[in-house]
N, C-alpha and C. Protein backbone atom coordinates (compact mmCIF):
# COMPACT_ATOMS: atom_id res chain seq x y z
N MET A 1 -225.76 -54.59 -18.59
CA MET A 1 -225.28 -54.34 -19.95
C MET A 1 -223.76 -54.27 -20.00
N ILE A 2 -223.18 -53.53 -19.03
CA ILE A 2 -221.73 -53.41 -18.99
C ILE A 2 -221.08 -54.76 -18.74
N ILE A 3 -221.66 -55.53 -17.81
CA ILE A 3 -221.11 -56.85 -17.49
C ILE A 3 -221.20 -57.77 -18.70
N GLU A 4 -222.32 -57.70 -19.42
CA GLU A 4 -222.47 -58.53 -20.61
C GLU A 4 -221.44 -58.16 -21.67
N THR A 5 -221.21 -56.87 -21.84
CA THR A 5 -220.21 -56.42 -22.81
C THR A 5 -218.81 -56.91 -22.44
N LEU A 6 -218.47 -56.80 -21.16
CA LEU A 6 -217.16 -57.25 -20.71
C LEU A 6 -217.01 -58.75 -20.86
N LEU A 7 -218.10 -59.49 -20.61
CA LEU A 7 -218.06 -60.94 -20.76
C LEU A 7 -217.84 -61.33 -22.21
N VAL A 8 -218.52 -60.63 -23.12
CA VAL A 8 -218.34 -60.91 -24.55
C VAL A 8 -216.90 -60.63 -24.97
N LEU A 9 -216.34 -59.53 -24.49
CA LEU A 9 -214.95 -59.19 -24.82
C LEU A 9 -213.98 -60.21 -24.24
N PHE A 10 -214.29 -60.68 -23.02
CA PHE A 10 -213.44 -61.70 -22.40
C PHE A 10 -213.45 -62.98 -23.23
N VAL A 11 -214.64 -63.40 -23.66
CA VAL A 11 -214.76 -64.62 -24.46
C VAL A 11 -214.03 -64.46 -25.79
N LYS A 12 -214.20 -63.30 -26.43
CA LYS A 12 -213.47 -63.06 -27.68
C LYS A 12 -211.97 -63.11 -27.45
N GLY A 13 -211.52 -62.52 -26.35
CA GLY A 13 -210.10 -62.56 -26.04
C GLY A 13 -209.61 -63.97 -25.79
N ALA A 14 -210.43 -64.78 -25.09
CA ALA A 14 -210.05 -66.17 -24.82
C ALA A 14 -209.95 -66.96 -26.11
N LEU A 15 -210.89 -66.76 -27.02
CA LEU A 15 -210.84 -67.45 -28.31
C LEU A 15 -209.61 -67.02 -29.10
N LEU A 16 -209.30 -65.73 -29.03
CA LEU A 16 -208.11 -65.24 -29.71
C LEU A 16 -206.86 -65.86 -29.12
N GLY A 17 -206.82 -65.97 -27.78
CA GLY A 17 -205.68 -66.59 -27.13
C GLY A 17 -205.48 -68.03 -27.58
N LEU A 18 -206.57 -68.76 -27.72
CA LEU A 18 -206.50 -70.14 -28.19
C LEU A 18 -206.02 -70.20 -29.63
N VAL A 19 -206.57 -69.34 -30.49
CA VAL A 19 -206.23 -69.35 -31.91
C VAL A 19 -204.76 -69.04 -32.12
N VAL A 20 -204.25 -68.06 -31.38
CA VAL A 20 -202.86 -67.65 -31.54
C VAL A 20 -201.90 -68.69 -30.98
N THR A 21 -202.31 -69.35 -29.91
CA THR A 21 -201.42 -70.27 -29.19
C THR A 21 -201.36 -71.66 -29.79
N ALA A 22 -202.48 -72.15 -30.31
CA ALA A 22 -202.58 -73.55 -30.72
C ALA A 22 -201.63 -73.97 -31.84
N PRO A 23 -201.36 -73.15 -32.87
CA PRO A 23 -200.46 -73.60 -33.93
C PRO A 23 -199.09 -73.98 -33.40
N PRO A 24 -198.49 -75.06 -33.93
CA PRO A 24 -197.18 -75.48 -33.45
C PRO A 24 -196.11 -74.45 -33.75
N GLY A 25 -195.17 -74.33 -32.85
CA GLY A 25 -194.09 -73.37 -33.01
C GLY A 25 -192.98 -73.67 -32.03
N PRO A 26 -191.99 -72.79 -31.92
CA PRO A 26 -190.85 -73.06 -31.03
C PRO A 26 -191.24 -73.20 -29.56
N ILE A 27 -192.17 -72.37 -29.10
CA ILE A 27 -192.54 -72.43 -27.69
C ILE A 27 -193.36 -73.70 -27.41
N ALA A 28 -194.19 -74.10 -28.35
CA ALA A 28 -194.92 -75.36 -28.19
C ALA A 28 -193.96 -76.54 -28.12
N THR A 29 -192.93 -76.50 -28.95
CA THR A 29 -191.91 -77.55 -28.91
C THR A 29 -191.19 -77.56 -27.57
N LEU A 30 -190.87 -76.38 -27.06
CA LEU A 30 -190.24 -76.28 -25.75
C LEU A 30 -191.15 -76.82 -24.65
N CYS A 31 -192.44 -76.49 -24.75
CA CYS A 31 -193.40 -76.94 -23.73
C CYS A 31 -193.48 -78.46 -23.71
N ILE A 32 -193.54 -79.07 -24.89
CA ILE A 32 -193.60 -80.53 -24.97
C ILE A 32 -192.31 -81.14 -24.41
N ASN A 33 -191.19 -80.55 -24.81
CA ASN A 33 -189.89 -81.06 -24.37
C ASN A 33 -189.75 -81.00 -22.85
N ARG A 34 -190.07 -79.84 -22.28
CA ARG A 34 -189.89 -79.68 -20.84
C ARG A 34 -190.92 -80.48 -20.04
N SER A 35 -192.13 -80.58 -20.55
CA SER A 35 -193.15 -81.40 -19.86
C SER A 35 -192.75 -82.86 -19.86
N LEU A 36 -192.13 -83.28 -20.95
CA LEU A 36 -191.72 -84.68 -21.07
C LEU A 36 -190.56 -85.02 -20.16
N HIS A 37 -189.63 -84.08 -20.00
CA HIS A 37 -188.40 -84.39 -19.28
C HIS A 37 -188.31 -83.76 -17.90
N ARG A 38 -189.14 -82.75 -17.63
CA ARG A 38 -189.07 -82.09 -16.32
C ARG A 38 -190.41 -82.07 -15.60
N GLY A 39 -191.44 -82.57 -16.25
CA GLY A 39 -192.72 -82.68 -15.58
C GLY A 39 -193.70 -81.56 -15.89
N PHE A 40 -194.88 -81.69 -15.34
CA PHE A 40 -196.00 -80.78 -15.59
C PHE A 40 -195.67 -79.34 -15.20
N GLY A 41 -195.02 -79.16 -14.06
CA GLY A 41 -194.73 -77.81 -13.59
C GLY A 41 -193.88 -77.02 -14.54
N SER A 42 -192.90 -77.66 -15.16
CA SER A 42 -192.03 -76.97 -16.11
C SER A 42 -192.81 -76.55 -17.35
N GLY A 43 -193.69 -77.44 -17.81
CA GLY A 43 -194.52 -77.11 -18.97
C GLY A 43 -195.44 -75.94 -18.69
N VAL A 44 -196.03 -75.92 -17.51
CA VAL A 44 -196.91 -74.82 -17.13
C VAL A 44 -196.13 -73.51 -17.02
N ALA A 45 -194.91 -73.57 -16.51
CA ALA A 45 -194.08 -72.37 -16.41
C ALA A 45 -193.84 -71.77 -17.79
N ILE A 46 -193.56 -72.63 -18.75
CA ILE A 46 -193.38 -72.16 -20.12
C ILE A 46 -194.68 -71.55 -20.64
N GLY A 47 -195.80 -72.21 -20.32
CA GLY A 47 -197.10 -71.69 -20.75
C GLY A 47 -197.38 -70.31 -20.18
N ILE A 48 -197.07 -70.11 -18.91
CA ILE A 48 -197.30 -68.80 -18.28
C ILE A 48 -196.47 -67.72 -18.97
N GLY A 49 -195.20 -68.03 -19.22
CA GLY A 49 -194.34 -67.06 -19.90
C GLY A 49 -194.86 -66.70 -21.28
N ALA A 50 -195.29 -67.73 -22.03
CA ALA A 50 -195.82 -67.50 -23.37
C ALA A 50 -197.13 -66.72 -23.32
N ALA A 51 -198.00 -67.06 -22.37
CA ALA A 51 -199.29 -66.37 -22.25
C ALA A 51 -199.09 -64.91 -21.86
N LEU A 52 -198.10 -64.64 -21.01
CA LEU A 52 -197.81 -63.25 -20.65
C LEU A 52 -197.31 -62.46 -21.86
N GLY A 53 -196.49 -63.11 -22.68
CA GLY A 53 -196.02 -62.46 -23.90
C GLY A 53 -197.17 -62.14 -24.84
N ASP A 54 -198.06 -63.12 -25.03
CA ASP A 54 -199.23 -62.89 -25.88
C ASP A 54 -200.11 -61.78 -25.31
N SER A 55 -200.22 -61.74 -23.99
CA SER A 55 -201.05 -60.72 -23.34
C SER A 55 -200.48 -59.33 -23.57
N CYS A 56 -199.16 -59.22 -23.58
CA CYS A 56 -198.54 -57.91 -23.85
C CYS A 56 -198.88 -57.43 -25.25
N TYR A 57 -198.77 -58.32 -26.24
CA TYR A 57 -199.14 -57.95 -27.60
C TYR A 57 -200.62 -57.62 -27.68
N ALA A 58 -201.45 -58.37 -26.94
CA ALA A 58 -202.88 -58.09 -26.92
C ALA A 58 -203.16 -56.71 -26.33
N LEU A 59 -202.41 -56.36 -25.28
CA LEU A 59 -202.57 -55.05 -24.67
C LEU A 59 -202.25 -53.93 -25.65
N VAL A 60 -201.15 -54.12 -26.38
CA VAL A 60 -200.75 -53.10 -27.35
C VAL A 60 -201.82 -52.96 -28.44
N ALA A 61 -202.32 -54.10 -28.93
CA ALA A 61 -203.32 -54.07 -30.01
C ALA A 61 -204.64 -53.50 -29.53
N ALA A 62 -205.07 -53.91 -28.33
CA ALA A 62 -206.38 -53.48 -27.83
C ALA A 62 -206.38 -52.01 -27.43
N ALA A 63 -205.28 -51.55 -26.83
CA ALA A 63 -205.22 -50.17 -26.35
C ALA A 63 -204.72 -49.21 -27.41
N GLY A 64 -204.20 -49.77 -28.52
CA GLY A 64 -203.70 -48.90 -29.57
C GLY A 64 -202.52 -48.07 -29.12
N LEU A 65 -201.59 -48.71 -28.41
CA LEU A 65 -200.43 -47.98 -27.87
C LEU A 65 -199.38 -47.79 -28.97
N ALA A 66 -199.52 -46.70 -29.70
CA ALA A 66 -198.62 -46.45 -30.82
C ALA A 66 -197.17 -46.33 -30.36
N MET A 67 -196.95 -45.77 -29.17
CA MET A 67 -195.60 -45.59 -28.67
C MET A 67 -194.89 -46.93 -28.49
N VAL A 68 -195.62 -47.90 -27.90
CA VAL A 68 -195.05 -49.22 -27.70
C VAL A 68 -194.81 -49.91 -29.03
N SER A 69 -195.76 -49.75 -29.94
CA SER A 69 -195.62 -50.35 -31.26
C SER A 69 -194.39 -49.80 -31.97
N ASP A 70 -194.17 -48.49 -31.89
CA ASP A 70 -193.00 -47.89 -32.52
C ASP A 70 -191.71 -48.37 -31.87
N ALA A 71 -191.74 -48.54 -30.54
CA ALA A 71 -190.55 -49.03 -29.83
C ALA A 71 -190.22 -50.46 -30.26
N LEU A 72 -191.25 -51.30 -30.38
CA LEU A 72 -191.03 -52.68 -30.83
C LEU A 72 -190.42 -52.69 -32.23
N ASP A 73 -190.91 -51.79 -33.08
CA ASP A 73 -190.40 -51.71 -34.43
C ASP A 73 -188.95 -51.25 -34.44
N SER A 74 -188.62 -50.31 -33.57
CA SER A 74 -187.26 -49.77 -33.51
C SER A 74 -186.25 -50.80 -33.04
N TYR A 75 -186.67 -51.65 -32.11
CA TYR A 75 -185.76 -52.63 -31.53
C TYR A 75 -186.02 -54.05 -32.02
N SER A 76 -186.71 -54.17 -33.16
CA SER A 76 -187.08 -55.49 -33.65
C SER A 76 -185.86 -56.34 -34.02
N LEU A 77 -184.81 -55.71 -34.53
CA LEU A 77 -183.61 -56.46 -34.91
C LEU A 77 -182.92 -57.10 -33.71
N PRO A 78 -182.53 -56.35 -32.68
CA PRO A 78 -181.88 -57.01 -31.54
C PRO A 78 -182.79 -57.98 -30.81
N ILE A 79 -184.09 -57.68 -30.75
CA ILE A 79 -185.02 -58.58 -30.08
C ILE A 79 -185.09 -59.91 -30.81
N ALA A 80 -185.24 -59.86 -32.13
CA ALA A 80 -185.34 -61.08 -32.93
C ALA A 80 -184.02 -61.86 -32.89
N ALA A 81 -182.89 -61.15 -32.98
CA ALA A 81 -181.58 -61.81 -32.95
C ALA A 81 -181.38 -62.53 -31.62
N ALA A 82 -181.71 -61.85 -30.53
CA ALA A 82 -181.55 -62.47 -29.21
C ALA A 82 -182.44 -63.70 -29.08
N GLY A 83 -183.67 -63.62 -29.56
CA GLY A 83 -184.57 -64.77 -29.49
C GLY A 83 -184.05 -65.95 -30.29
N GLY A 84 -183.52 -65.69 -31.48
CA GLY A 84 -182.98 -66.76 -32.31
C GLY A 84 -181.79 -67.43 -31.66
N ILE A 85 -180.89 -66.65 -31.08
CA ILE A 85 -179.71 -67.20 -30.42
C ILE A 85 -180.11 -68.06 -29.22
N VAL A 86 -181.06 -67.57 -28.42
CA VAL A 86 -181.51 -68.33 -27.26
C VAL A 86 -182.10 -69.67 -27.69
N LEU A 87 -182.90 -69.67 -28.74
CA LEU A 87 -183.50 -70.92 -29.21
C LEU A 87 -182.42 -71.91 -29.67
N ILE A 88 -181.44 -71.42 -30.38
CA ILE A 88 -180.36 -72.30 -30.86
C ILE A 88 -179.59 -72.89 -29.68
N VAL A 89 -179.29 -72.06 -28.70
CA VAL A 89 -178.57 -72.54 -27.50
C VAL A 89 -179.40 -73.61 -26.78
N LEU A 90 -180.70 -73.36 -26.61
CA LEU A 90 -181.56 -74.34 -25.94
C LEU A 90 -181.62 -75.64 -26.73
N GLY A 91 -181.71 -75.54 -28.04
CA GLY A 91 -181.76 -76.74 -28.87
C GLY A 91 -180.49 -77.55 -28.79
N ILE A 92 -179.34 -76.87 -28.84
CA ILE A 92 -178.06 -77.57 -28.75
C ILE A 92 -177.91 -78.25 -27.39
N ARG A 93 -178.35 -77.56 -26.34
CA ARG A 93 -178.27 -78.14 -25.00
C ARG A 93 -179.12 -79.39 -24.89
N ASP A 94 -180.30 -79.37 -25.52
CA ASP A 94 -181.15 -80.55 -25.50
C ASP A 94 -180.53 -81.71 -26.26
N LEU A 95 -179.83 -81.41 -27.34
CA LEU A 95 -179.19 -82.47 -28.13
C LEU A 95 -178.00 -83.08 -27.39
N MET A 96 -177.32 -82.28 -26.61
CA MET A 96 -176.09 -82.74 -25.97
C MET A 96 -176.29 -83.27 -24.55
N THR A 97 -177.38 -82.88 -23.91
CA THR A 97 -177.60 -83.30 -22.53
C THR A 97 -178.29 -84.66 -22.49
N PRO A 98 -177.73 -85.64 -21.78
CA PRO A 98 -178.38 -86.95 -21.68
C PRO A 98 -179.69 -86.85 -20.93
N PRO A 99 -180.68 -87.68 -21.30
CA PRO A 99 -181.97 -87.64 -20.61
C PRO A 99 -181.85 -88.03 -19.15
N ALA A 100 -182.69 -87.45 -18.34
CA ALA A 100 -182.70 -87.76 -16.91
C ALA A 100 -184.13 -87.85 -16.43
N GLU A 101 -184.31 -88.40 -15.27
CA GLU A 101 -185.65 -88.49 -14.70
C GLU A 101 -186.19 -87.09 -14.41
N ALA A 102 -187.47 -86.92 -14.64
CA ALA A 102 -188.09 -85.62 -14.37
C ALA A 102 -187.99 -85.31 -12.89
N VAL A 103 -187.68 -84.06 -12.59
CA VAL A 103 -187.54 -83.65 -11.20
C VAL A 103 -188.56 -82.56 -10.88
N GLU A 104 -188.79 -82.40 -9.59
CA GLU A 104 -189.72 -81.36 -9.16
C GLU A 104 -189.13 -79.99 -9.48
N VAL A 105 -189.95 -79.11 -10.04
CA VAL A 105 -189.48 -77.78 -10.43
C VAL A 105 -189.57 -76.85 -9.23
N GLY A 106 -188.42 -76.36 -8.76
CA GLY A 106 -188.40 -75.45 -7.62
C GLY A 106 -188.91 -74.07 -8.00
N ALA A 107 -189.21 -73.26 -6.98
CA ALA A 107 -189.76 -71.93 -7.22
C ALA A 107 -188.82 -71.06 -8.05
N ARG A 108 -187.52 -71.17 -7.78
CA ARG A 108 -186.55 -70.35 -8.50
C ARG A 108 -186.49 -70.75 -9.97
N ASN A 109 -186.42 -72.03 -10.25
CA ASN A 109 -186.38 -72.49 -11.63
C ASN A 109 -187.70 -72.19 -12.34
N PHE A 110 -188.80 -72.29 -11.61
CA PHE A 110 -190.11 -71.99 -12.18
C PHE A 110 -190.15 -70.54 -12.65
N PHE A 111 -189.72 -69.64 -11.78
CA PHE A 111 -189.72 -68.21 -12.12
C PHE A 111 -188.78 -67.93 -13.28
N ARG A 112 -187.61 -68.55 -13.27
CA ARG A 112 -186.64 -68.33 -14.34
C ARG A 112 -187.17 -68.82 -15.67
N THR A 113 -187.88 -69.95 -15.65
CA THR A 113 -188.48 -70.48 -16.88
C THR A 113 -189.55 -69.55 -17.41
N VAL A 114 -190.38 -69.02 -16.50
CA VAL A 114 -191.43 -68.08 -16.91
C VAL A 114 -190.81 -66.85 -17.58
N VAL A 115 -189.79 -66.28 -16.95
CA VAL A 115 -189.17 -65.06 -17.48
C VAL A 115 -188.50 -65.32 -18.82
N SER A 116 -187.74 -66.41 -18.94
CA SER A 116 -187.04 -66.69 -20.19
C SER A 116 -188.02 -66.97 -21.32
N THR A 117 -189.12 -67.66 -21.02
CA THR A 117 -190.11 -67.93 -22.06
C THR A 117 -190.84 -66.66 -22.46
N PHE A 118 -191.11 -65.79 -21.50
CA PHE A 118 -191.73 -64.51 -21.81
C PHE A 118 -190.86 -63.72 -22.78
N LEU A 119 -189.54 -63.69 -22.54
CA LEU A 119 -188.64 -62.97 -23.42
C LEU A 119 -188.62 -63.60 -24.81
N LEU A 120 -188.71 -64.92 -24.86
CA LEU A 120 -188.79 -65.59 -26.16
C LEU A 120 -190.10 -65.23 -26.88
N ALA A 121 -191.18 -65.18 -26.12
CA ALA A 121 -192.49 -64.92 -26.71
C ALA A 121 -192.57 -63.55 -27.35
N ILE A 122 -191.85 -62.58 -26.80
CA ILE A 122 -191.90 -61.23 -27.36
C ILE A 122 -190.72 -60.97 -28.29
N SER A 123 -189.94 -62.01 -28.60
CA SER A 123 -188.76 -61.82 -29.45
C SER A 123 -189.13 -61.76 -30.92
N ASN A 124 -190.40 -62.00 -31.24
CA ASN A 124 -190.85 -61.92 -32.62
C ASN A 124 -191.82 -60.76 -32.78
N PRO A 125 -191.31 -59.56 -33.11
CA PRO A 125 -192.18 -58.40 -33.25
C PRO A 125 -193.26 -58.58 -34.30
N GLY A 126 -193.02 -59.49 -35.27
CA GLY A 126 -194.02 -59.73 -36.29
C GLY A 126 -195.31 -60.27 -35.72
N ALA A 127 -195.24 -60.85 -34.51
CA ALA A 127 -196.45 -61.36 -33.87
C ALA A 127 -197.44 -60.25 -33.59
N PHE A 128 -196.92 -59.03 -33.37
CA PHE A 128 -197.81 -57.90 -33.11
C PHE A 128 -198.72 -57.63 -34.31
N LEU A 129 -198.17 -57.80 -35.52
CA LEU A 129 -198.97 -57.60 -36.72
C LEU A 129 -200.10 -58.62 -36.79
N SER A 130 -199.80 -59.85 -36.39
CA SER A 130 -200.84 -60.88 -36.38
C SER A 130 -201.94 -60.52 -35.40
N PHE A 131 -201.55 -60.08 -34.21
CA PHE A 131 -202.54 -59.67 -33.22
C PHE A 131 -203.38 -58.51 -33.74
N GLY A 132 -202.72 -57.55 -34.40
CA GLY A 132 -203.45 -56.40 -34.92
C GLY A 132 -204.51 -56.81 -35.92
N GLY A 133 -204.14 -57.74 -36.83
CA GLY A 133 -205.10 -58.20 -37.82
C GLY A 133 -206.26 -58.96 -37.20
N LEU A 134 -205.95 -59.84 -36.24
CA LEU A 134 -206.99 -60.63 -35.59
C LEU A 134 -207.91 -59.74 -34.74
N PHE A 135 -207.32 -58.77 -34.08
CA PHE A 135 -208.13 -57.85 -33.28
C PHE A 135 -209.09 -57.07 -34.16
N ALA A 136 -208.59 -56.62 -35.31
CA ALA A 136 -209.44 -55.87 -36.23
C ALA A 136 -210.58 -56.76 -36.74
N GLY A 137 -210.24 -58.03 -37.04
CA GLY A 137 -211.26 -58.94 -37.54
C GLY A 137 -212.36 -59.23 -36.54
N LEU A 138 -212.01 -59.21 -35.25
CA LEU A 138 -212.99 -59.48 -34.19
C LEU A 138 -213.63 -58.20 -33.66
N GLY A 139 -213.27 -57.06 -34.25
CA GLY A 139 -213.85 -55.80 -33.80
C GLY A 139 -213.41 -55.40 -32.41
N LEU A 140 -212.14 -55.63 -32.09
CA LEU A 140 -211.65 -55.35 -30.73
C LEU A 140 -210.75 -54.12 -30.67
N VAL A 141 -210.75 -53.32 -31.70
CA VAL A 141 -209.86 -52.16 -31.72
C VAL A 141 -210.64 -50.86 -31.86
N ASN A 142 -211.88 -50.89 -31.45
CA ASN A 142 -212.74 -49.71 -31.63
C ASN A 142 -212.80 -48.87 -30.35
N GLY A 143 -211.71 -48.21 -30.01
CA GLY A 143 -211.70 -47.30 -28.87
C GLY A 143 -212.09 -47.94 -27.55
N ASN A 144 -211.40 -49.01 -27.19
CA ASN A 144 -211.72 -49.70 -25.94
C ASN A 144 -211.38 -48.85 -24.72
N THR A 145 -212.23 -48.94 -23.71
CA THR A 145 -211.94 -48.29 -22.43
C THR A 145 -210.91 -49.13 -21.67
N VAL A 146 -210.46 -48.60 -20.55
CA VAL A 146 -209.49 -49.34 -19.74
C VAL A 146 -210.09 -50.67 -19.27
N THR A 147 -211.34 -50.65 -18.84
CA THR A 147 -211.99 -51.87 -18.36
C THR A 147 -212.17 -52.88 -19.49
N GLU A 148 -212.56 -52.39 -20.65
CA GLU A 148 -212.74 -53.29 -21.80
C GLU A 148 -211.41 -53.88 -22.24
N THR A 149 -210.37 -53.07 -22.25
CA THR A 149 -209.03 -53.57 -22.60
C THR A 149 -208.59 -54.65 -21.62
N ALA A 150 -208.85 -54.41 -20.32
CA ALA A 150 -208.49 -55.40 -19.30
C ALA A 150 -209.23 -56.71 -19.52
N ALA A 151 -210.51 -56.64 -19.90
CA ALA A 151 -211.30 -57.85 -20.14
C ALA A 151 -210.73 -58.62 -21.32
N ILE A 152 -210.34 -57.91 -22.38
CA ILE A 152 -209.78 -58.57 -23.57
C ILE A 152 -208.46 -59.25 -23.24
N VAL A 153 -207.57 -58.50 -22.59
CA VAL A 153 -206.23 -59.03 -22.28
C VAL A 153 -206.32 -60.21 -21.32
N THR A 154 -207.20 -60.10 -20.33
CA THR A 154 -207.41 -61.21 -19.40
C THR A 154 -207.93 -62.44 -20.13
N GLY A 155 -208.82 -62.22 -21.09
CA GLY A 155 -209.34 -63.33 -21.89
C GLY A 155 -208.25 -64.00 -22.71
N VAL A 156 -207.37 -63.19 -23.31
CA VAL A 156 -206.26 -63.74 -24.09
C VAL A 156 -205.37 -64.61 -23.21
N PHE A 157 -205.05 -64.10 -22.03
CA PHE A 157 -204.20 -64.87 -21.10
C PHE A 157 -204.90 -66.17 -20.71
N PHE A 158 -206.19 -66.10 -20.39
CA PHE A 158 -206.94 -67.29 -19.98
C PHE A 158 -206.98 -68.31 -21.11
N GLY A 159 -207.31 -67.87 -22.32
CA GLY A 159 -207.39 -68.79 -23.45
C GLY A 159 -206.07 -69.47 -23.74
N ALA A 160 -204.98 -68.68 -23.67
CA ALA A 160 -203.66 -69.25 -23.89
C ALA A 160 -203.31 -70.27 -22.82
N MET A 161 -203.62 -69.95 -21.56
CA MET A 161 -203.28 -70.86 -20.48
C MET A 161 -204.08 -72.15 -20.52
N VAL A 162 -205.32 -72.08 -21.01
CA VAL A 162 -206.10 -73.31 -21.19
C VAL A 162 -205.36 -74.27 -22.12
N TRP A 163 -204.82 -73.72 -23.21
CA TRP A 163 -204.10 -74.56 -24.16
C TRP A 163 -202.80 -75.10 -23.57
N TRP A 164 -202.01 -74.21 -22.95
CA TRP A 164 -200.71 -74.65 -22.43
C TRP A 164 -200.87 -75.66 -21.30
N THR A 165 -201.87 -75.46 -20.46
CA THR A 165 -202.10 -76.40 -19.35
C THR A 165 -202.52 -77.76 -19.88
N ALA A 166 -203.41 -77.75 -20.87
CA ALA A 166 -203.87 -79.01 -21.45
C ALA A 166 -202.72 -79.74 -22.14
N LEU A 167 -201.89 -78.99 -22.87
CA LEU A 167 -200.76 -79.61 -23.56
C LEU A 167 -199.77 -80.19 -22.56
N SER A 168 -199.45 -79.44 -21.51
CA SER A 168 -198.50 -79.92 -20.50
C SER A 168 -199.03 -81.16 -19.79
N ALA A 169 -200.33 -81.14 -19.47
CA ALA A 169 -200.94 -82.29 -18.79
C ALA A 169 -200.93 -83.52 -19.67
N ALA A 170 -201.25 -83.35 -20.95
CA ALA A 170 -201.29 -84.49 -21.87
C ALA A 170 -199.91 -85.12 -22.03
N VAL A 171 -198.90 -84.27 -22.20
CA VAL A 171 -197.53 -84.78 -22.35
C VAL A 171 -197.06 -85.45 -21.07
N ASN A 172 -197.38 -84.86 -19.94
CA ASN A 172 -196.97 -85.42 -18.65
C ASN A 172 -197.61 -86.79 -18.42
N LEU A 173 -198.86 -86.95 -18.82
CA LEU A 173 -199.54 -88.24 -18.68
C LEU A 173 -198.92 -89.29 -19.60
N ALA A 174 -198.52 -88.85 -20.78
CA ALA A 174 -197.94 -89.79 -21.74
C ALA A 174 -196.52 -90.18 -21.39
N ARG A 175 -195.87 -89.36 -20.55
CA ARG A 175 -194.47 -89.57 -20.23
C ARG A 175 -194.20 -90.94 -19.62
N ASP A 176 -195.11 -91.41 -18.76
CA ASP A 176 -194.91 -92.68 -18.07
C ASP A 176 -195.33 -93.88 -18.92
N ARG A 177 -195.84 -93.60 -20.12
CA ARG A 177 -196.34 -94.68 -20.96
C ARG A 177 -195.47 -94.94 -22.19
N ILE A 178 -194.36 -94.22 -22.29
CA ILE A 178 -193.48 -94.42 -23.43
C ILE A 178 -192.11 -94.87 -22.94
N SER A 179 -191.40 -95.57 -23.81
CA SER A 179 -190.11 -96.13 -23.43
C SER A 179 -189.05 -95.04 -23.37
N SER A 180 -187.95 -95.36 -22.70
CA SER A 180 -186.85 -94.40 -22.57
C SER A 180 -186.23 -94.10 -23.93
N ASP A 181 -186.18 -95.11 -24.82
CA ASP A 181 -185.62 -94.89 -26.15
C ASP A 181 -186.47 -93.90 -26.94
N LEU A 182 -187.79 -94.03 -26.85
CA LEU A 182 -188.67 -93.11 -27.54
C LEU A 182 -188.57 -91.71 -26.94
N THR A 183 -188.41 -91.67 -25.62
CA THR A 183 -188.24 -90.38 -24.94
C THR A 183 -187.00 -89.67 -25.45
N LEU A 184 -185.92 -90.43 -25.59
CA LEU A 184 -184.67 -89.86 -26.09
C LEU A 184 -184.85 -89.38 -27.53
N LEU A 185 -185.55 -90.16 -28.35
CA LEU A 185 -185.78 -89.78 -29.74
C LEU A 185 -186.58 -88.49 -29.82
N ILE A 186 -187.62 -88.39 -29.00
CA ILE A 186 -188.43 -87.17 -28.98
C ILE A 186 -187.59 -85.97 -28.58
N ARG A 187 -186.72 -86.18 -27.59
CA ARG A 187 -185.85 -85.09 -27.14
C ARG A 187 -184.93 -84.64 -28.26
N ARG A 188 -184.36 -85.59 -28.99
CA ARG A 188 -183.46 -85.24 -30.09
C ARG A 188 -184.22 -84.51 -31.20
N ILE A 189 -185.41 -84.98 -31.52
CA ILE A 189 -186.20 -84.34 -32.58
C ILE A 189 -186.60 -82.93 -32.16
N SER A 190 -187.08 -82.79 -30.93
CA SER A 190 -187.50 -81.48 -30.47
C SER A 190 -186.32 -80.52 -30.39
N GLY A 191 -185.15 -81.04 -29.96
CA GLY A 191 -183.96 -80.20 -29.93
C GLY A 191 -183.59 -79.70 -31.32
N GLY A 192 -183.68 -80.60 -32.32
CA GLY A 192 -183.41 -80.19 -33.69
C GLY A 192 -184.41 -79.16 -34.19
N LEU A 193 -185.67 -79.35 -33.84
CA LEU A 193 -186.70 -78.39 -34.26
C LEU A 193 -186.47 -77.02 -33.62
N ILE A 194 -186.08 -77.03 -32.35
CA ILE A 194 -185.83 -75.76 -31.67
C ILE A 194 -184.68 -75.01 -32.34
N ILE A 195 -183.62 -75.75 -32.71
CA ILE A 195 -182.50 -75.13 -33.43
C ILE A 195 -182.99 -74.56 -34.76
N ALA A 196 -183.82 -75.34 -35.47
CA ALA A 196 -184.34 -74.88 -36.76
C ALA A 196 -185.17 -73.60 -36.60
N PHE A 197 -186.00 -73.57 -35.57
CA PHE A 197 -186.78 -72.36 -35.30
C PHE A 197 -185.84 -71.17 -35.03
N GLY A 198 -184.78 -71.43 -34.27
CA GLY A 198 -183.82 -70.37 -33.98
C GLY A 198 -183.16 -69.83 -35.24
N VAL A 199 -182.82 -70.72 -36.16
CA VAL A 199 -182.22 -70.31 -37.43
C VAL A 199 -183.20 -69.45 -38.23
N VAL A 200 -184.47 -69.87 -38.22
CA VAL A 200 -185.50 -69.09 -38.94
C VAL A 200 -185.63 -67.69 -38.34
N VAL A 201 -185.63 -67.61 -37.02
CA VAL A 201 -185.74 -66.30 -36.36
C VAL A 201 -184.53 -65.43 -36.69
N LEU A 202 -183.34 -66.05 -36.70
CA LEU A 202 -182.14 -65.28 -37.07
C LEU A 202 -182.23 -64.84 -38.53
N GLY A 203 -182.80 -65.70 -39.37
CA GLY A 203 -183.00 -65.31 -40.77
C GLY A 203 -183.92 -64.11 -40.89
N TYR A 204 -184.97 -64.12 -40.07
CA TYR A 204 -185.88 -62.97 -40.04
C TYR A 204 -185.15 -61.72 -39.58
N ALA A 205 -184.29 -61.88 -38.57
CA ALA A 205 -183.52 -60.75 -38.08
C ALA A 205 -182.61 -60.20 -39.19
N GLY A 206 -182.08 -61.12 -40.01
CA GLY A 206 -181.22 -60.69 -41.11
C GLY A 206 -181.94 -59.83 -42.12
N THR A 207 -183.23 -60.07 -42.31
CA THR A 207 -184.00 -59.26 -43.25
C THR A 207 -184.23 -57.83 -42.74
N LEU A 208 -183.99 -57.62 -41.45
CA LEU A 208 -184.22 -56.30 -40.86
C LEU A 208 -182.97 -55.40 -40.95
N LEU A 209 -181.85 -55.98 -41.41
CA LEU A 209 -180.62 -55.20 -41.49
C LEU A 209 -180.75 -54.13 -42.57
């Protein structure tokens, strides 16, 4: 009975991870961009960072950690501002840097990409409200035990990683089938979108003043 309950919670968490991750956004744009220009490993690194960020919000929602929620609310302005600035810098760099052949992602760069994407993923405190609503809708906030919370959070991470891995693999496969001119165009478009997302995040930060 306990195993069945944990399995159900894991599946619900995985579905939630997919639902939250699948909509296009700044991190999805980054994942496509990096998978296209740096290969599958870079895209997966971004996915891991994003999935860890989603898992943190899932942990807060599932465990009902009011202290963490209050802290996120207190520091929402600097967190959002920092995220917006980072996105704009990344977008400008993509617009100005000439395309190059994809290279193997070393362990150091892999870790740095994971960490930077994780910080981006948690730079939008409003995401916690989305998690809270979805958790309530799926009945995942009813006094979960430590084991049940772990099953939910693990499911969220798994569901998110399924999406990010599939997206990175698809882009990486398509990379060798498109021309260099189209690759450059995609890079320019994605760079512009990343800048736009950064401006939106900064706009959100402005509303918190």
